[in-house]
Amino acid sequence: MQWTLLIIAGLFEVGWAIGLKYTEGFTRLWPTVGTVVSMIISLGLLGIAMKSLPVGTAYAVWVGVGAVGTALLGILLFDDPASSLRVLSLGLIVAGIIGLKLATPG
């Protein structure tokens, strides 16, 4: 259950990271509200997951899910570069997340 909450927390991190782009420097009300709500949910779920997961593992997975998801959405939504090296690097982050899951008891 804690791993599920951690992944969901990471997805909400993606939501607020992408949401920041749409706030236009916090000048647009509804994108700002959505971004702040996503931040609160993301951090709240991370805190709950950390009750039973090692802090280093939980934080690394949270950041990794957020980084990969944000980079992929940046490619899809904002035409960010999708070079082979960039995609390979994202794959390595995913491999690291899987490795941390496999190396963590429970």
C-alpha atoms as a PDB file:
ATOM      1  CA  MET A   1       0.000   0.000   0.000  1.00  0.00           C
ATOM      2  CA  GLN A   2       2.815   2.409   0.855  1.00  0.00           C
ATOM      3  CA  TRP A   3       4.391   1.902  -2.570  1.00  0.00           C
ATOM      4  CA  THR A   4       1.082   2.664  -4.266  1.00  0.00           C
ATOM      5  CA  LEU A   5       0.747   5.876  -2.252  1.00  0.00           C
ATOM      6  CA  LEU A   6       4.331   6.774  -3.126  1.00  0.00           C
ATOM      7  CA  ILE A   7       3.724   6.336  -6.865  1.00  0.00           C
ATOM      8  CA  ILE A   8       0.522   8.388  -6.642  1.00  0.00           C
ATOM      9  CA  ALA A   9       2.469  11.068  -4.756  1.00  0.00           C
ATOM     10  CA  GLY A  10       4.984  11.077  -7.611  1.00  0.00           C
ATOM     11  CA  LEU A  11       2.193  11.472 -10.155  1.00  0.00           C
ATOM     12  CA  PHE A  12       0.856  14.459  -8.237  1.00  0.00           C
ATOM     13  CA  GLU A  13       4.401  15.850  -8.312  1.00  0.00           C
ATOM     14  CA  VAL A  14       4.199  15.623 -12.095  1.00  0.00           C
ATOM     15  CA  GLY A  15       0.874  17.472 -11.874  1.00  0.00           C
ATOM     16  CA  TRP A  16       2.278  20.379  -9.945  1.00  0.00           C
ATOM     17  CA  ALA A  17       5.467  20.566 -11.982  1.00  0.00           C
ATOM     18  CA  ILE A  18       3.480  20.771 -15.224  1.00  0.00           C
ATOM     19  CA  GLY A  19       0.955  23.032 -13.516  1.00  0.00           C
ATOM     20  CA  LEU A  20       3.711  25.547 -12.780  1.00  0.00           C
ATOM     21  CA  LYS A  21       4.098  26.065 -16.517  1.00  0.00           C
ATOM     22  CA  TYR A  22       0.412  26.933 -16.839  1.00  0.00           C
ATOM     23  CA  THR A  23       0.353  29.355 -13.887  1.00  0.00           C
ATOM     24  CA  GLU A  24       2.471  31.826 -15.866  1.00  0.00           C
ATOM     25  CA  GLY A  25       4.356  32.874 -12.756  1.00  0.00           C
ATOM     26  CA  PHE A  26       1.314  32.403 -10.501  1.00  0.00           C
ATOM     27  CA  THR A  27      -0.620  35.058 -12.423  1.00  0.00           C
ATOM     28  CA  ARG A  28      -3.453  32.722 -13.507  1.00  0.00           C
ATOM     29  CA  LEU A  29      -5.849  31.798 -10.697  1.00  0.00           C
ATOM     30  CA  TRP A  30      -7.151  28.329 -11.593  1.00  0.00           C
ATOM     31  CA  PRO A  31      -3.864  26.852 -12.779  1.00  0.00           C
ATOM     32  CA  THR A  32      -2.303  28.224  -9.582  1.00  0.00           C
ATOM     33  CA  VAL A  33      -5.029  26.673  -7.418  1.00  0.00           C
ATOM     34  CA  GLY A  34      -4.620  23.313  -9.172  1.00  0.00           C
ATOM     35  CA  THR A  35      -0.856  23.474  -8.793  1.00  0.00           C
ATOM     36  CA  VAL A  36      -1.019  24.256  -5.074  1.00  0.00           C
ATOM     37  CA  VAL A  37      -3.585  21.489  -4.471  1.00  0.00           C
ATOM     38  CA  SER A  38      -1.338  19.033  -6.340  1.00  0.00           C
ATOM     39  CA  MET A  39       1.624  20.129  -4.206  1.00  0.00           C
ATOM     40  CA  ILE A  40      -0.296  19.545  -0.982  1.00  0.00           C
ATOM     41  CA  ILE A  41      -1.555  16.124  -2.066  1.00  0.00           C
ATOM     42  CA  SER A  42       1.875  15.088  -3.331  1.00  0.00           C
ATOM     43  CA  LEU A  43       3.677  16.053  -0.132  1.00  0.00           C
ATOM     44  CA  GLY A  44       0.934  14.583   2.049  1.00  0.00           C
ATOM     45  CA  LEU A  45       1.077  11.217   0.316  1.00  0.00           C
ATOM     46  CA  LEU A  46       4.878  11.257   0.430  1.00  0.00           C
ATOM     47  CA  GLY A  47       4.719  11.842   4.170  1.00  0.00           C
ATOM     48  CA  ILE A  48       2.321   8.934   4.647  1.00  0.00           C
ATOM     49  CA  ALA A  49       4.494   6.628   2.529  1.00  0.00           C
ATOM     50  CA  MET A  50       7.554   7.586   4.570  1.00  0.00           C
ATOM     51  CA  LYS A  51       5.932   6.185   7.706  1.00  0.00           C
ATOM     52  CA  SER A  52       7.006   2.703   6.673  1.00  0.00           C
ATOM     53  CA  LEU A  53       9.478   3.162   3.809  1.00  0.00           C
ATOM     54  CA  PRO A  54      13.093   4.258   4.228  1.00  0.00           C
ATOM     55  CA  VAL A  55      13.366   8.018   3.791  1.00  0.00           C
ATOM     56  CA  GLY A  56      16.086   7.833   1.137  1.00  0.00           C
ATOM     57  CA  THR A  57      14.204   5.283  -0.920  1.00  0.00           C
ATOM     58  CA  ALA A  58      10.870   7.071  -0.653  1.00  0.00           C
ATOM     59  CA  TYR A  59      12.326  10.444  -1.567  1.00  0.00           C
ATOM     60  CA  ALA A  60      14.373   9.070  -4.469  1.00  0.00           C
ATOM     61  CA  VAL A  61      11.382   7.220  -5.927  1.00  0.00           C
ATOM     62  CA  TRP A  62       9.122  10.274  -5.480  1.00  0.00           C
ATOM     63  CA  VAL A  63      11.627  12.511  -7.250  1.00  0.00           C
ATOM     64  CA  GLY A  64      12.279   9.883  -9.928  1.00  0.00           C
ATOM     65  CA  VAL A  65       8.608   9.400 -10.774  1.00  0.00           C
ATOM     66  CA  GLY A  66       8.187  13.165 -10.849  1.00  0.00           C
ATOM     67  CA  ALA A  67      11.243  13.720 -13.018  1.00  0.00           C
ATOM     68  CA  VAL A  68      10.405  11.021 -15.555  1.00  0.00           C
ATOM     69  CA  GLY A  69       6.734  11.975 -15.748  1.00  0.00           C
ATOM     70  CA  THR A  70       7.481  15.671 -16.061  1.00  0.00           C
ATOM     71  CA  ALA A  71      10.117  15.103 -18.733  1.00  0.00           C
ATOM     72  CA  LEU A  72       7.786  12.865 -20.746  1.00  0.00           C
ATOM     73  CA  LEU A  73       4.925  15.346 -20.534  1.00  0.00           C
ATOM     74  CA  GLY A  74       7.341  18.116 -21.450  1.00  0.00           C
ATOM     75  CA  ILE A  75       8.127  16.190 -24.610  1.00  0.00           C
ATOM     76  CA  LEU A  76       4.452  15.538 -25.369  1.00  0.00           C
ATOM     77  CA  LEU A  77       2.947  18.889 -24.377  1.00  0.00           C
ATOM     78  CA  PHE A  78       5.693  21.451 -24.881  1.00  0.00           C
ATOM     79  CA  ASP A  79       7.842  19.966 -27.644  1.00  0.00           C
ATOM     80  CA  ASP A  80      10.821  19.521 -25.319  1.00  0.00           C
ATOM     81  CA  PRO A  81      13.681  17.683 -27.026  1.00  0.00           C
ATOM     82  CA  ALA A  82      13.370  13.887 -27.232  1.00  0.00           C
ATOM     83  CA  SER A  83      16.905  12.914 -28.182  1.00  0.00           C
ATOM     84  CA  SER A  84      18.041   9.329 -27.858  1.00  0.00           C
ATOM     85  CA  LEU A  85      20.365  10.210 -24.998  1.00  0.00           C
ATOM     86  CA  ARG A  86      17.567  11.996 -23.136  1.00  0.00           C
ATOM     87  CA  VAL A  87      15.164   9.057 -23.513  1.00  0.00           C
ATOM     88  CA  LEU A  88      17.918   6.621 -22.495  1.00  0.00           C
ATOM     89  CA  SER A  89      18.614   8.728 -19.416  1.00  0.00           C
ATOM     90  CA  LEU A  90      14.933   8.641 -18.455  1.00  0.00           C
ATOM     91  CA  GLY A  91      15.052   4.871 -18.856  1.00  0.00           C
ATOM     92  CA  LEU A  92      17.986   4.741 -16.452  1.00  0.00           C
ATOM     93  CA  ILE A  93      15.971   6.689 -13.887  1.00  0.00           C
ATOM     94  CA  VAL A  94      13.132   4.165 -14.265  1.00  0.00           C
ATOM     95  CA  ALA A  95      15.660   1.337 -13.821  1.00  0.00           C
ATOM     96  CA  GLY A  96      16.864   3.048 -10.636  1.00  0.00           C
ATOM     97  CA  ILE A  97      13.307   3.296  -9.314  1.00  0.00           C
ATOM     98  CA  ILE A  98      12.760  -0.411 -10.012  1.00  0.00           C
ATOM     99  CA  GLY A  99      16.079  -1.225  -8.363  1.00  0.00           C
ATOM    100  CA  LEU A 100      15.137   0.708  -5.237  1.00  0.00           C
ATOM    101  CA  LYS A 101      11.810  -1.117  -5.067  1.00  0.00           C
ATOM    102  CA  LEU A 102      13.501  -4.502  -5.417  1.00  0.00           C
ATOM    103  CA  ALA A 103      16.128  -3.617  -2.813  1.00  0.00           C
ATOM    104  CA  THR A 104      13.617  -2.414  -0.216  1.00  0.00           C
ATOM    105  CA  PRO A 105      12.117  -5.008   2.112  1.00  0.00           C
ATOM    106  CA  GLY A 106       8.344  -5.117   2.402  1.00  0.00           C
END
